[in-house]
PDB file of N, CA and C in Angstrom:
ATOM      1  N   MET A   1      12.415  -8.502  17.868  1.00  0.00           N
ATOM      2  CA  MET A   1      11.324  -8.127  18.842  1.00  0.00           C
ATOM      3  C   MET A   1      11.943  -7.113  20.101  1.00  0.00           C
ATOM      4  N   GLU A   2      11.277  -6.219  20.216  1.00  0.00           N
ATOM      5  CA  GLU A   2      11.646  -5.195  21.375  1.00  0.00           C
ATOM      6  C   GLU A   2      11.233  -5.698  22.781  1.00  0.00           C
ATOM      7  N   THR A   3      12.398  -5.610  23.466  1.00  0.00           N
ATOM      8  CA  THR A   3      12.265  -5.834  24.955  1.00  0.00           C
ATOM      9  C   THR A   3      11.428  -4.692  25.766  1.00  0.00           C
ATOM     10  N   ASN A   4      11.075  -5.120  26.863  1.00  0.00           N
ATOM     11  CA  ASN A   4      10.269  -4.028  27.609  1.00  0.00           C
ATOM     12  C   ASN A   4      11.162  -2.994  28.079  1.00  0.00           C
ATOM     13  N   SER A   5      12.491  -3.340  28.428  1.00  0.00           N
ATOM     14  CA  SER A   5      13.445  -2.260  28.941  1.00  0.00           C
ATOM     15  C   SER A   5      13.517  -1.413  27.730  1.00  0.00           C
ATOM     16  N   TYR A   6      13.514  -1.702  26.457  1.00  0.00           N
ATOM     17  CA  TYR A   6      13.849  -1.014  25.426  1.00  0.00           C
ATOM     18  C   TYR A   6      12.963   0.168  25.148  1.00  0.00           C
ATOM     19  N   ILE A   7      11.668  -0.380  25.347  1.00  0.00           N
ATOM     20  CA  ILE A   7      10.465   0.623  25.077  1.00  0.00           C
ATOM     21  C   ILE A   7       9.735   1.191  26.272  1.00  0.00           C
ATOM     22  N   GLU A   8      10.133   0.995  27.403  1.00  0.00           N
ATOM     23  CA  GLU A   8       9.900   1.448  28.695  1.00  0.00           C
ATOM     24  C   GLU A   8      10.270   2.817  28.917  1.00  0.00           C
ATOM     25  N   PRO A   9       9.234   3.845  28.948  1.00  0.00           N
ATOM     26  CA  PRO A   9       9.613   5.326  29.229  1.00  0.00           C
ATOM     27  C   PRO A   9      10.313   5.501  30.689  1.00  0.00           C
ATOM     28  N   VAL A  10      11.469   5.852  30.778  1.00  0.00           N
ATOM     29  CA  VAL A  10      11.993   5.964  32.111  1.00  0.00           C
ATOM     30  C   VAL A  10      12.694   7.335  32.020  1.00  0.00           C
ATOM     31  N   TYR A  11      13.369   7.814  30.979  1.00  0.00           N
ATOM     32  CA  TYR A  11      14.196   9.203  30.964  1.00  0.00           C
ATOM     33  C   TYR A  11      13.434  10.358  31.016  1.00  0.00           C
ATOM     34  N   LEU A  12      13.849  11.494  31.858  1.00  0.00           N
ATOM     35  CA  LEU A  12      13.301  12.626  31.748  1.00  0.00           C
ATOM     36  C   LEU A  12      13.861  13.592  30.687  1.00  0.00           C
ATOM     37  N   ILE A  13      13.185  14.463  30.346  1.00  0.00           N
ATOM     38  CA  ILE A  13      13.868  15.518  29.161  1.00  0.00           C
ATOM     39  C   ILE A  13      15.028  15.819  29.447  1.00  0.00           C
ATOM     40  N   SER A  14      15.225  16.121  30.684  1.00  0.00           N
ATOM     41  CA  SER A  14      16.533  16.843  31.006  1.00  0.00           C
ATOM     42  C   SER A  14      17.679  15.852  30.871  1.00  0.00           C
ATOM     43  N   ALA A  15      17.442  14.630  31.471  1.00  0.00           N
ATOM     44  CA  ALA A  15      18.342  13.430  31.047  1.00  0.00           C
ATOM     45  C   ALA A  15      18.777  13.089  29.701  1.00  0.00           C
ATOM     46  N   VAL A  16      17.645  13.104  28.768  1.00  0.00           N
ATOM     47  CA  VAL A  16      17.734  12.710  27.422  1.00  0.00           C
ATOM     48  C   VAL A  16      18.607  14.014  26.701  1.00  0.00           C
ATOM     49  N   ALA A  17      18.182  15.106  27.086  1.00  0.00           N
ATOM     50  CA  ALA A  17      19.162  16.248  26.539  1.00  0.00           C
ATOM     51  C   ALA A  17      20.559  16.190  26.793  1.00  0.00           C
ATOM     52  N   GLU A  18      20.849  15.908  28.064  1.00  0.00           N
ATOM     53  CA  GLU A  18      22.154  15.554  28.507  1.00  0.00           C
ATOM     54  C   GLU A  18      22.918  14.572  27.783  1.00  0.00           C
ATOM     55  N   ILE A  19      22.176  13.469  27.738  1.00  0.00           N
ATOM     56  CA  ILE A  19      22.821  12.128  27.180  1.00  0.00           C
ATOM     57  C   ILE A  19      23.037  12.562  25.625  1.00  0.00           C
ATOM     58  N   LEU A  20      22.191  13.300  24.978  1.00  0.00           N
ATOM     59  CA  LEU A  20      22.197  13.629  23.548  1.00  0.00           C
ATOM     60  C   LEU A  20      23.007  14.964  23.093  1.00  0.00           C
ATOM     61  N   ASN A  21      23.421  15.482  24.293  1.00  0.00           N
ATOM     62  CA  ASN A  21      24.054  16.792  24.195  1.00  0.00           C
ATOM     63  C   ASN A  21      23.336  17.853  23.346  1.00  0.00           C
ATOM     64  N   ILE A  22      21.933  17.953  23.647  1.00  0.00           N
ATOM     65  CA  ILE A  22      21.144  18.843  22.861  1.00  0.00           C
ATOM     66  C   ILE A  22      20.375  19.463  24.023  1.00  0.00           C
ATOM     67  N   HIS A  23      19.749  20.835  23.598  1.00  0.00           N
ATOM     68  CA  HIS A  23      18.974  21.658  24.482  1.00  0.00           C
ATOM     69  C   HIS A  23      17.371  21.044  24.588  1.00  0.00           C
ATOM     70  N   PRO A  24      16.912  20.967  25.875  1.00  0.00           N
ATOM     71  CA  PRO A  24      15.641  20.273  25.984  1.00  0.00           C
ATOM     72  C   PRO A  24      14.540  20.955  25.173  1.00  0.00           C
ATOM     73  N   GLN A  25      14.741  22.340  24.805  1.00  0.00           N
ATOM     74  CA  GLN A  25      13.983  22.966  23.781  1.00  0.00           C
ATOM     75  C   GLN A  25      13.951  22.245  22.466  1.00  0.00           C
ATOM     76  N   THR A  26      14.997  21.684  22.188  1.00  0.00           N
ATOM     77  CA  THR A  26      15.061  21.020  20.835  1.00  0.00           C
ATOM     78  C   THR A  26      14.264  19.821  20.787  1.00  0.00           C
ATOM     79  N   LEU A  27      14.064  19.016  22.024  1.00  0.00           N
ATOM     80  CA  LEU A  27      13.153  17.960  22.059  1.00  0.00           C
ATOM     81  C   LEU A  27      11.703  18.401  22.114  1.00  0.00           C
ATOM     82  N   ARG A  28      11.473  19.538  22.716  1.00  0.00           N
ATOM     83  CA  ARG A  28       9.996  20.055  22.735  1.00  0.00           C
ATOM     84  C   ARG A  28       9.474  20.430  21.167  1.00  0.00           C
ATOM     85  N   GLN A  29      10.666  20.979  20.431  1.00  0.00           N
ATOM     86  CA  GLN A  29      10.342  21.346  19.062  1.00  0.00           C
ATOM     87  C   GLN A  29      10.029  20.017  18.158  1.00  0.00           C
ATOM     88  N   TYR A  30      10.954  18.962  18.601  1.00  0.00           N
ATOM     89  CA  TYR A  30      10.636  17.739  17.807  1.00  0.00           C
ATOM     90  C   TYR A  30       9.288  17.073  18.136  1.00  0.00           C
ATOM     91  N   GLU A  31       8.837  17.384  19.389  1.00  0.00           N
ATOM     92  CA  GLU A  31       7.482  16.953  19.659  1.00  0.00           C
ATOM     93  C   GLU A  31       6.492  17.632  19.019  1.00  0.00           C
ATOM     94  N   ARG A  32       6.624  18.829  19.091  1.00  0.00           N
ATOM     95  CA  ARG A  32       5.685  19.891  18.412  1.00  0.00           C
ATOM     96  C   ARG A  32       5.660  19.468  16.641  1.00  0.00           C
ATOM     97  N   GLU A  33       6.688  19.326  16.138  1.00  0.00           N
ATOM     98  CA  GLU A  33       6.908  18.658  14.913  1.00  0.00           C
ATOM     99  C   GLU A  33       6.275  17.431  14.733  1.00  0.00           C
ATOM    100  N   GLY A  34       6.048  16.511  15.455  1.00  0.00           N
ATOM    101  CA  GLY A  34       5.487  15.302  15.474  1.00  0.00           C
ATOM    102  C   GLY A  34       6.556  14.304  15.150  1.00  0.00           C
ATOM    103  N   LEU A  35       7.725  14.553  15.383  1.00  0.00           N
ATOM    104  CA  LEU A  35       8.825  13.611  14.834  1.00  0.00           C
ATOM    105  C   LEU A  35       9.092  12.670  16.123  1.00  0.00           C
ATOM    106  N   ILE A  36       8.707  13.110  17.402  1.00  0.00           N
ATOM    107  CA  ILE A  36       8.686  11.996  18.154  1.00  0.00           C
ATOM    108  C   ILE A  36       7.633  12.380  19.238  1.00  0.00           C
ATOM    109  N   LYS A  37       7.074  11.113  19.856  1.00  0.00           N
ATOM    110  CA  LYS A  37       6.088  11.150  20.668  1.00  0.00           C
ATOM    111  C   LYS A  37       6.470  10.607  22.316  1.00  0.00           C
ATOM    112  N   PRO A  38       6.915  11.429  22.963  1.00  0.00           N
ATOM    113  CA  PRO A  38       7.394  10.704  24.468  1.00  0.00           C
ATOM    114  C   PRO A  38       6.032  10.332  25.102  1.00  0.00           C
ATOM    115  N   SER A  39       6.360   9.685  25.937  1.00  0.00           N
ATOM    116  CA  SER A  39       5.019   9.286  26.985  1.00  0.00           C
ATOM    117  C   SER A  39       5.041  10.325  28.020  1.00  0.00           C
ATOM    118  N   ARG A  40       3.738  10.357  28.616  1.00  0.00           N
ATOM    119  CA  ARG A  40       3.563  11.482  29.573  1.00  0.00           C
ATOM    120  C   ARG A  40       3.030  10.909  30.810  1.00  0.00           C
ATOM    121  N   THR A  41       3.320  11.194  31.963  1.00  0.00           N
ATOM    122  CA  THR A  41       2.948  11.012  33.272  1.00  0.00           C
ATOM    123  C   THR A  41       1.552  11.512  33.355  1.00  0.00           C
ATOM    124  N   ASN A  42       0.840  11.081  34.528  1.00  0.00           N
ATOM    125  CA  ASN A  42      -0.362  11.829  34.951  1.00  0.00           C
ATOM    126  C   ASN A  42       0.013  13.371  35.079  1.00  0.00           C
ATOM    127  N   GLY A  43       0.931  13.674  35.629  1.00  0.00           N
ATOM    128  CA  GLY A  43       1.415  14.989  35.831  1.00  0.00           C
ATOM    129  C   GLY A  43       1.969  15.701  34.586  1.00  0.00           C
ATOM    130  N   LYS A  44       1.731  14.942  33.477  1.00  0.00           N
ATOM    131  CA  LYS A  44       2.359  15.764  32.290  1.00  0.00           C
ATOM    132  C   LYS A  44       3.765  15.675  31.888  1.00  0.00           C
ATOM    133  N   ILE A  45       4.586  15.037  32.813  1.00  0.00           N
ATOM    134  CA  ILE A  45       6.007  15.104  32.541  1.00  0.00           C
ATOM    135  C   ILE A  45       6.209  14.073  31.402  1.00  0.00           C
ATOM    136  N   ARG A  46       7.208  14.619  30.579  1.00  0.00           N
ATOM    137  CA  ARG A  46       7.629  13.786  29.579  1.00  0.00           C
ATOM    138  C   ARG A  46       8.609  12.872  30.043  1.00  0.00           C
ATOM    139  N   LEU A  47       8.301  11.478  29.450  1.00  0.00           N
ATOM    140  CA  LEU A  47       9.244  10.351  29.663  1.00  0.00           C
ATOM    141  C   LEU A  47       9.677   9.643  28.417  1.00  0.00           C
ATOM    142  N   TYR A  48      11.031   9.401  28.259  1.00  0.00           N
ATOM    143  CA  TYR A  48      11.471   8.830  26.955  1.00  0.00           C
ATOM    144  C   TYR A  48      12.027   7.456  27.283  1.00  0.00           C
ATOM    145  N   SER A  49      11.869   6.443  26.185  1.00  0.00           N
ATOM    146  CA  SER A  49      12.398   5.072  26.350  1.00  0.00           C
ATOM    147  C   SER A  49      13.673   5.314  25.678  1.00  0.00           C
ATOM    148  N   GLN A  50      14.444   4.034  25.731  1.00  0.00           N
ATOM    149  CA  GLN A  50      15.698   3.941  24.887  1.00  0.00           C
ATOM    150  C   GLN A  50      15.414   3.915  23.348  1.00  0.00           C
ATOM    151  N   LYS A  51      14.109   3.323  22.973  1.00  0.00           N
ATOM    152  CA  LYS A  51      13.747   3.490  21.655  1.00  0.00           C
ATOM    153  C   LYS A  51      13.354   4.851  21.164  1.00  0.00           C
ATOM    154  N   ASP A  52      12.760   5.862  22.017  1.00  0.00           N
ATOM    155  CA  ASP A  52      12.799   7.088  21.909  1.00  0.00           C
ATOM    156  C   ASP A  52      13.957   7.811  21.447  1.00  0.00           C
ATOM    157  N   ILE A  53      14.978   7.464  22.243  1.00  0.00           N
ATOM    158  CA  ILE A  53      16.253   8.179  22.391  1.00  0.00           C
ATOM    159  C   ILE A  53      16.970   7.644  20.938  1.00  0.00           C
ATOM    160  N   ASP A  54      16.801   6.342  20.662  1.00  0.00           N
ATOM    161  CA  ASP A  54      17.499   6.024  19.261  1.00  0.00           C
ATOM    162  C   ASP A  54      16.774   6.815  18.113  1.00  0.00           C
ATOM    163  N   ASN A  55      15.483   7.075  18.292  1.00  0.00           N
ATOM    164  CA  ASN A  55      14.636   7.624  17.243  1.00  0.00           C
ATOM    165  C   ASN A  55      15.124   9.091  17.170  1.00  0.00           C
ATOM    166  N   ILE A  56      15.445   9.730  18.335  1.00  0.00           N
ATOM    167  CA  ILE A  56      16.003  11.174  18.238  1.00  0.00           C
ATOM    168  C   ILE A  56      17.405  11.178  17.733  1.00  0.00           C
ATOM    169  N   LYS A  57      18.187  10.197  18.033  1.00  0.00           N
ATOM    170  CA  LYS A  57      19.626  10.095  17.378  1.00  0.00           C
ATOM    171  C   LYS A  57      19.529   9.957  15.980  1.00  0.00           C
ATOM    172  N   TYR A  58      18.486   9.078  15.400  1.00  0.00           N
ATOM    173  CA  TYR A  58      18.178   9.347  13.931  1.00  0.00           C
ATOM    174  C   TYR A  58      17.842  10.531  13.281  1.00  0.00           C
ATOM    175  N   VAL A  59      16.915  11.360  13.947  1.00  0.00           N
ATOM    176  CA  VAL A  59      16.664  12.704  13.582  1.00  0.00           C
ATOM    177  C   VAL A  59      17.769  13.561  13.431  1.00  0.00           C
ATOM    178  N   LEU A  60      18.488  13.485  14.590  1.00  0.00           N
ATOM    179  CA  LEU A  60      19.887  14.341  14.605  1.00  0.00           C
ATOM    180  C   LEU A  60      20.604  14.039  13.793  1.00  0.00           C
ATOM    181  N   THR A  61      20.874  12.801  13.137  1.00  0.00           N
ATOM    182  CA  THR A  61      21.947  12.290  12.064  1.00  0.00           C
ATOM    183  C   THR A  61      21.110  13.274  10.834  1.00  0.00           C
ATOM    184  N   LEU A  62      19.761  12.637  10.605  1.00  0.00           N
ATOM    185  CA  LEU A  62      19.423  13.411   9.536  1.00  0.00           C
ATOM    186  C   LEU A  62      19.544  14.869   9.214  1.00  0.00           C
ATOM    187  N   THR A  63      19.343  15.622  10.537  1.00  0.00           N
ATOM    188  CA  THR A  63      19.454  17.066  10.341  1.00  0.00           C
ATOM    189  C   THR A  63      20.873  17.617  10.417  1.00  0.00           C
ATOM    190  N   ARG A  64      21.783  17.053  11.329  1.00  0.00           N
ATOM    191  CA  ARG A  64      23.117  17.504  11.267  1.00  0.00           C
ATOM    192  C   ARG A  64      24.014  17.301  10.345  1.00  0.00           C
ATOM    193  N   GLU A  65      23.945  15.795  10.175  1.00  0.00           N
ATOM    194  CA  GLU A  65      24.970  15.226   9.319  1.00  0.00           C
ATOM    195  C   GLU A  65      24.420  15.367   7.736  1.00  0.00           C
ATOM    196  N   LEU A  66      23.108  15.006   7.641  1.00  0.00           N
ATOM    197  CA  LEU A  66      22.847  15.020   6.007  1.00  0.00           C
ATOM    198  C   LEU A  66      22.134  16.353   5.740  1.00  0.00           C
ATOM    199  N   GLY A  67      21.917  17.375   6.519  1.00  0.00           N
ATOM    200  CA  GLY A  67      21.421  18.596   6.369  1.00  0.00           C
ATOM    201  C   GLY A  67      19.737  18.614   5.952  1.00  0.00           C
ATOM    202  N   VAL A  68      19.174  17.625   6.345  1.00  0.00           N
ATOM    203  CA  VAL A  68      17.675  17.539   5.944  1.00  0.00           C
ATOM    204  C   VAL A  68      17.056  18.415   7.066  1.00  0.00           C
ATOM    205  N   ASN A  69      16.039  19.313   6.474  1.00  0.00           N
ATOM    206  CA  ASN A  69      15.086  20.174   7.349  1.00  0.00           C
ATOM    207  C   ASN A  69      14.134  19.192   8.067  1.00  0.00           C
ATOM    208  N   LEU A  70      13.447  19.957   9.092  1.00  0.00           N
ATOM    209  CA  LEU A  70      12.503  18.954   9.850  1.00  0.00           C
ATOM    210  C   LEU A  70      11.298  18.691   9.026  1.00  0.00           C
ATOM    211  N   ALA A  71      10.809  19.408   7.861  1.00  0.00           N
ATOM    212  CA  ALA A  71       9.722  18.943   7.074  1.00  0.00           C
ATOM    213  C   ALA A  71      10.161  17.428   6.321  1.00  0.00           C
ATOM    214  N   GLY A  72      11.627  17.596   5.928  1.00  0.00           N
ATOM    215  CA  GLY A  72      12.181  16.428   5.392  1.00  0.00           C
ATOM    216  C   GLY A  72      12.279  15.386   6.165  1.00  0.00           C
ATOM    217  N   VAL A  73      12.484  15.570   7.339  1.00  0.00           N
ATOM    218  CA  VAL A  73      12.661  14.358   8.404  1.00  0.00           C
ATOM    219  C   VAL A  73      11.270  13.804   8.509  1.00  0.00           C
ATOM    220  N   ASP A  74      10.399  14.595   8.614  1.00  0.00           N
ATOM    221  CA  ASP A  74       8.968  14.226   8.919  1.00  0.00           C
ATOM    222  C   ASP A  74       8.644  13.053   7.779  1.00  0.00           C
ATOM    223  N   ILE A  75       8.809  13.643   6.494  1.00  0.00           N
ATOM    224  CA  ILE A  75       8.665  12.778   5.374  1.00  0.00           C
ATOM    225  C   ILE A  75       9.488  11.458   5.370  1.00  0.00           C
ATOM    226  N   ILE A  76      10.550  11.431   5.692  1.00  0.00           N
ATOM    227  CA  ILE A  76      11.562  10.362   5.722  1.00  0.00           C
ATOM    228  C   ILE A  76      10.825   9.297   6.762  1.00  0.00           C
ATOM    229  N   LEU A  77      10.439   9.837   7.906  1.00  0.00           N
ATOM    230  CA  LEU A  77      10.076   9.092   9.023  1.00  0.00           C
ATOM    231  C   LEU A  77       8.532   8.466   8.586  1.00  0.00           C
ATOM    232  N   GLN A  78       7.846   9.151   7.765  1.00  0.00           N
ATOM    233  CA  GLN A  78       6.601   8.588   7.421  1.00  0.00           C
ATOM    234  C   GLN A  78       6.983   7.625   6.325  1.00  0.00           C
ATOM    235  N   LEU A  79       7.836   7.702   5.451  1.00  0.00           N
ATOM    236  CA  LEU A  79       7.951   6.818   4.417  1.00  0.00           C
ATOM    237  C   LEU A  79       8.746   5.461   5.033  1.00  0.00           C
ATOM    238  N   ASN A  80       9.636   5.563   5.979  1.00  0.00           N
ATOM    239  CA  ASN A  80      10.203   4.464   6.769  1.00  0.00           C
ATOM    240  C   ASN A  80       9.029   3.583   7.498  1.00  0.00           C
ATOM    241  N   LYS A  81       8.123   4.301   8.154  1.00  0.00           N
ATOM    242  CA  LYS A  81       6.864   3.637   8.628  1.00  0.00           C
ATOM    243  C   LYS A  81       6.080   2.794   7.795  1.00  0.00           C
ATOM    244  N   LYS A  82       5.914   3.542   6.401  1.00  0.00           N
ATOM    245  CA  LYS A  82       5.199   2.728   5.264  1.00  0.00           C
ATOM    246  C   LYS A  82       5.938   1.514   4.859  1.00  0.00           C
ATOM    247  N   ILE A  83       7.294   1.798   4.725  1.00  0.00           N
ATOM    248  CA  ILE A  83       8.066   0.507   4.341  1.00  0.00           C
ATOM    249  C   ILE A  83       7.934  -0.757   5.431  1.00  0.00           C
ATOM    250  N   GLU A  84       8.130  -0.134   6.454  1.00  0.00           N
ATOM    251  CA  GLU A  84       7.930  -1.283   7.551  1.00  0.00           C
ATOM    252  C   GLU A  84       6.440  -2.029   7.570  1.00  0.00           C
ATOM    253  N   GLU A  85       5.337  -1.208   7.234  1.00  0.00           N
ATOM    254  CA  GLU A  85       4.218  -1.695   6.951  1.00  0.00           C
ATOM    255  C   GLU A  85       4.114  -2.746   5.865  1.00  0.00           C
ATOM    256  N   LEU A  86       4.806  -2.301   4.871  1.00  0.00           N
ATOM    257  CA  LEU A  86       4.729  -3.099   3.375  1.00  0.00           C
ATOM    258  C   LEU A  86       5.490  -4.405   3.674  1.00  0.00           C
ATOM    259  N   GLU A  87       6.687  -4.178   4.540  1.00  0.00           N
ATOM    260  CA  GLU A  87       7.320  -5.324   4.688  1.00  0.00           C
ATOM    261  C   GLU A  87       6.682  -6.321   5.352  1.00  0.00           C
ATOM    262  N   LYS A  88       5.843  -5.716   6.451  1.00  0.00           N
ATOM    263  CA  LYS A  88       4.978  -6.793   7.119  1.00  0.00           C
ATOM    264  C   LYS A  88       3.844  -7.477   6.101  1.00  0.00           C
ATOM    265  N   ASP A  89       3.164  -6.670   5.312  1.00  0.00           N
ATOM    266  CA  ASP A  89       2.397  -7.337   4.422  1.00  0.00           C
ATOM    267  C   ASP A  89       3.123  -8.242   3.427  1.00  0.00           C
ATOM    268  N   ILE A  90       4.114  -7.907   2.969  1.00  0.00           N
ATOM    269  CA  ILE A  90       4.660  -9.014   2.115  1.00  0.00           C
ATOM    270  C   ILE A  90       4.991 -10.271   2.970  1.00  0.00           C
ATOM    271  N   PHE A  91       5.499 -10.150   4.078  1.00  0.00           N
ATOM    272  CA  PHE A  91       5.792 -11.486   5.130  1.00  0.00           C
ATOM    273  C   PHE A  91       4.375 -12.212   5.011  1.00  0.00           C
ATOM    274  N   VAL A  92       3.352 -11.693   5.410  1.00  0.00           N
ATOM    275  CA  VAL A  92       1.984 -12.097   5.390  1.00  0.00           C
ATOM    276  C   VAL A  92       1.749 -12.906   4.322  1.00  0.00           C
ATOM    277  N   TYR A  93       1.833 -12.060   3.185  1.00  0.00           N
ATOM    278  CA  TYR A  93       1.495 -12.674   1.722  1.00  0.00           C
ATOM    279  C   TYR A  93       2.341 -13.967   1.447  1.00  0.00           C
ATOM    280  N   LYS A  94       3.703 -13.778   1.786  1.00  0.00           N
ATOM    281  CA  LYS A  94       4.442 -15.034   1.645  1.00  0.00           C
ATOM    282  C   LYS A  94       4.082 -16.264   2.227  1.00  0.00           C
ATOM    283  N   ASN A  95       3.749 -15.934   3.765  1.00  0.00           N
ATOM    284  CA  ASN A  95       3.230 -17.093   4.269  1.00  0.00           C
ATOM    285  C   ASN A  95       2.013 -17.749   3.679  1.00  0.00           C
ATOM    286  N   LYS A  96       0.878 -16.810   3.263  1.00  0.00           N
ATOM    287  CA  LYS A  96      -0.197 -17.304   2.726  1.00  0.00           C
ATOM    288  C   LYS A  96       0.132 -18.285   1.410  1.00  0.00           C
ATOM    289  N   ILE A  97       1.029 -17.865   0.553  1.00  0.00           N
ATOM    290  CA  ILE A  97       1.534 -18.423  -0.666  1.00  0.00           C
ATOM    291  C   ILE A  97       2.087 -19.834  -0.439  1.00  0.00           C
ATOM    292  N   LYS A  98       2.952 -19.700   0.547  1.00  0.00           N
ATOM    293  CA  LYS A  98       3.652 -20.983   1.162  1.00  0.00           C
ATOM    294  C   LYS A  98       2.437 -21.849   1.550  1.00  0.00           C
ATOM    295  N   SER A  99       1.572 -21.374   2.321  1.00  0.00           N
ATOM    296  CA  SER A  99       0.536 -22.280   2.887  1.00  0.00           C
ATOM    297  C   SER A  99      -0.313 -22.895   1.633  1.00  0.00           C
ATOM    298  N   ILE A 100      -0.666 -21.975   0.651  1.00  0.00           N
ATOM    299  CA  ILE A 100      -1.493 -22.543  -0.513  1.00  0.00           C
ATOM    300  C   ILE A 100      -0.311 -23.548  -1.281  1.00  0.00           C
ATOM    301  N   ASN A 101       0.756 -23.234  -1.586  1.00  0.00           N
ATOM    302  CA  ASN A 101       1.606 -24.427  -2.364  1.00  0.00           C
ATOM    303  C   ASN A 101       1.838 -25.380  -1.379  1.00  0.00           C
ATOM    304  N   SER A 102       1.468 -25.478  -0.131  1.00  0.00           N
ATOM    305  CA  SER A 102       1.664 -26.828   0.503  1.00  0.00           C
ATOM    306  C   SER A 102       0.579 -27.802   0.366  1.00  0.00           C
ATOM    307  N   LEU A 103      -0.328 -27.117   0.084  1.00  0.00           N
ATOM    308  CA  LEU A 103      -1.694 -27.899  -0.338  1.00  0.00           C
ATOM    309  C   LEU A 103      -1.489 -28.865  -1.356  1.00  0.00           C
ATOM    310  N   SER A 104      -0.630 -28.552  -2.317  1.00  0.00           N
ATOM    311  CA  SER A 104      -0.279 -29.574  -3.398  1.00  0.00           C
ATOM    312  C   SER A 104      -1.322 -29.999  -4.048  1.00  0.00           C
ATOM    313  N   VAL A 105      -2.407 -29.185  -4.308  1.00  0.00           N
ATOM    314  CA  VAL A 105      -3.687 -29.728  -5.093  1.00  0.00           C
ATOM    315  C   VAL A 105      -3.171 -30.173  -6.697  1.00  0.00           C
ATOM    316  N   VAL A 106      -3.717 -31.123  -6.858  1.00  0.00           N
ATOM    317  CA  VAL A 106      -3.433 -31.561  -8.214  1.00  0.00           C
ATOM    318  C   VAL A 106      -4.663 -31.568  -8.982  1.00  0.00           C
ATOM    319  N   PRO A 107      -4.690 -30.911 -10.425  1.00  0.00           N
ATOM    320  CA  PRO A 107      -6.330 -30.682 -10.759  1.00  0.00           C
ATOM    321  C   PRO A 107      -6.541 -31.960 -11.402  1.00  0.00           C
ATOM    322  N   ASP A 108      -7.764 -32.329 -11.457  1.00  0.00           N
ATOM    323  CA  ASP A 108      -8.474 -33.717 -11.708  1.00  0.00           C
ATOM    324  C   ASP A 108      -8.544 -33.511 -13.475  1.00  0.00           C
ATOM    325  N   THR A 109      -7.859 -32.677 -14.261  1.00  0.00           N
ATOM    326  CA  THR A 109      -7.926 -32.791 -15.462  1.00  0.00           C
ATOM    327  C   THR A 109      -6.609 -32.986 -16.141  1.00  0.00           C
ATOM    328  N   LYS A 110      -6.325 -33.449 -17.152  1.00  0.00           N
ATOM    329  CA  LYS A 110      -5.148 -33.740 -17.997  1.00  0.00           C
ATOM    330  C   LYS A 110      -5.096 -32.786 -19.061  1.00  0.00           C
ATOM    331  N   ALA A 111      -3.836 -32.291 -19.120  1.00  0.00           N
ATOM    332  CA  ALA A 111      -3.589 -31.359 -20.410  1.00  0.00           C
ATOM    333  C   ALA A 111      -2.629 -31.975 -21.256  1.00  0.00           C
ATOM    334  N   LEU A 112      -2.915 -31.668 -22.589  1.00  0.00           N
ATOM    335  CA  LEU A 112      -1.832 -32.144 -23.837  1.00  0.00           C
ATOM    336  C   LEU A 112      -1.392 -31.023 -24.564  1.00  0.00           C
ATOM    337  N   VAL A 113      -0.242 -30.929 -24.437  1.00  0.00           N
ATOM    338  CA  VAL A 113       0.135 -29.610 -25.437  1.00  0.00           C
ATOM    339  C   VAL A 113       0.727 -30.218 -26.605  1.00  0.00           C
ATOM    340  N   VAL A 114      -0.007 -29.554 -27.646  1.00  0.00           N
ATOM    341  CA  VAL A 114       0.478 -29.988 -29.037  1.00  0.00           C
ATOM    342  C   VAL A 114       0.976 -28.834 -29.892  1.00  0.00           C
ATOM    343  N   GLN A 115       2.218 -28.762 -30.428  1.00  0.00           N
ATOM    344  CA  GLN A 115       2.521 -27.442 -31.108  1.00  0.00           C
ATOM    345  C   GLN A 115       2.151 -27.265 -32.509  1.00  0.00           C
ATOM    346  N   LYS A 116       1.554 -26.502 -32.930  1.00  0.00           N
ATOM    347  CA  LYS A 116       1.146 -26.295 -34.255  1.00  0.00           C
ATOM    348  C   LYS A 116       1.604 -24.906 -34.782  1.00  0.00           C
ATOM    349  N   THR A 117       2.434 -24.851 -35.668  1.00  0.00           N
ATOM    350  CA  THR A 117       3.020 -23.777 -36.068  1.00  0.00           C
ATOM    351  C   THR A 117       3.554 -22.900 -34.974  1.00  0.00           C
ATOM    352  N   SER A 118       3.421 -21.512 -34.825  1.00  0.00           N
ATOM    353  CA  SER A 118       4.205 -20.836 -34.160  1.00  0.00           C
ATOM    354  C   SER A 118       3.420 -20.702 -32.596  1.00  0.00           C
ATOM    355  N   LEU A 119       2.067 -21.371 -32.646  1.00  0.00           N
ATOM    356  CA  LEU A 119       1.414 -21.186 -31.413  1.00  0.00           C
ATOM    357  C   LEU A 119       0.974 -22.271 -30.662  1.00  0.00           C
ATOM    358  N   ASP A 120       1.003 -22.326 -29.254  1.00  0.00           N
ATOM    359  CA  ASP A 120       0.825 -23.765 -28.656  1.00  0.00           C
ATOM    360  C   ASP A 120      -0.705 -23.922 -28.503  1.00  0.00           C
ATOM    361  N   MET A 121      -1.260 -25.239 -28.610  1.00  0.00           N
ATOM    362  CA  MET A 121      -2.638 -25.507 -28.523  1.00  0.00           C
ATOM    363  C   MET A 121      -2.815 -26.288 -27.316  1.00  0.00           C
ATOM    364  N   VAL A 122      -3.616 -26.214 -26.562  1.00  0.00           N
ATOM    365  CA  VAL A 122      -3.734 -26.895 -25.178  1.00  0.00           C
ATOM    366  C   VAL A 122      -4.974 -27.720 -25.457  1.00  0.00           C
ATOM    367  N   ILE A 123      -5.388 -29.060 -25.347  1.00  0.00           N
ATOM    368  CA  ILE A 123      -6.193 -29.974 -25.310  1.00  0.00           C
ATOM    369  C   ILE A 123      -6.525 -30.331 -23.982  1.00  0.00           C
ATOM    370  N   VAL A 124      -7.642 -30.032 -23.484  1.00  0.00           N
ATOM    371  CA  VAL A 124      -7.788 -30.722 -21.953  1.00  0.00           C
ATOM    372  C   VAL A 124      -8.910 -31.827 -22.001  1.00  0.00           C
ATOM    373  N   LYS A 125      -8.525 -32.881 -21.498  1.00  0.00           N
ATOM    374  CA  LYS A 125      -9.482 -34.124 -21.313  1.00  0.00           C
ATOM    375  C   LYS A 125      -9.894 -34.221 -19.918  1.00  0.00           C
ATOM    376  N   LYS A 126     -11.155 -34.199 -19.726  1.00  0.00           N
ATOM    377  CA  LYS A 126     -11.681 -34.652 -18.398  1.00  0.00           C
ATOM    378  C   LYS A 126     -11.522 -36.162 -18.051  1.00  0.00           C
ATOM    379  N   SER A 127     -11.093 -36.372 -16.926  1.00  0.00           N
ATOM    380  CA  SER A 127     -10.899 -37.712 -16.389  1.00  0.00           C
ATOM    381  C   SER A 127     -12.100 -38.449 -15.914  1.00  0.00           C
TER     382      SER A 127
END
């Protein structure tokens, strides 16, 4: 779970640029490309959170160390977001399955399996 201090936008663009040793124009370019979305004050000043900074570090790793272009970074970020959504869906479905399994419903019919040649035959008797 993310704490408020992690997601609270408090850093100006100049501070983030200095922290990451990049030009502020790079941050503006990433924003134009849709790779980051800093918060804005009423006066339209960009503010970045620690989470934003971590996301920018990830983008920098992809571009500088792995040689991925910005279009590729965008695709990777979209795929990561989709994976997170699917993982949440899986968690929900697993909980639903656990809930259904915990009901322990025993059917009111009895089944008898009789083997006949290579096929199984099921005979169902109503109680």
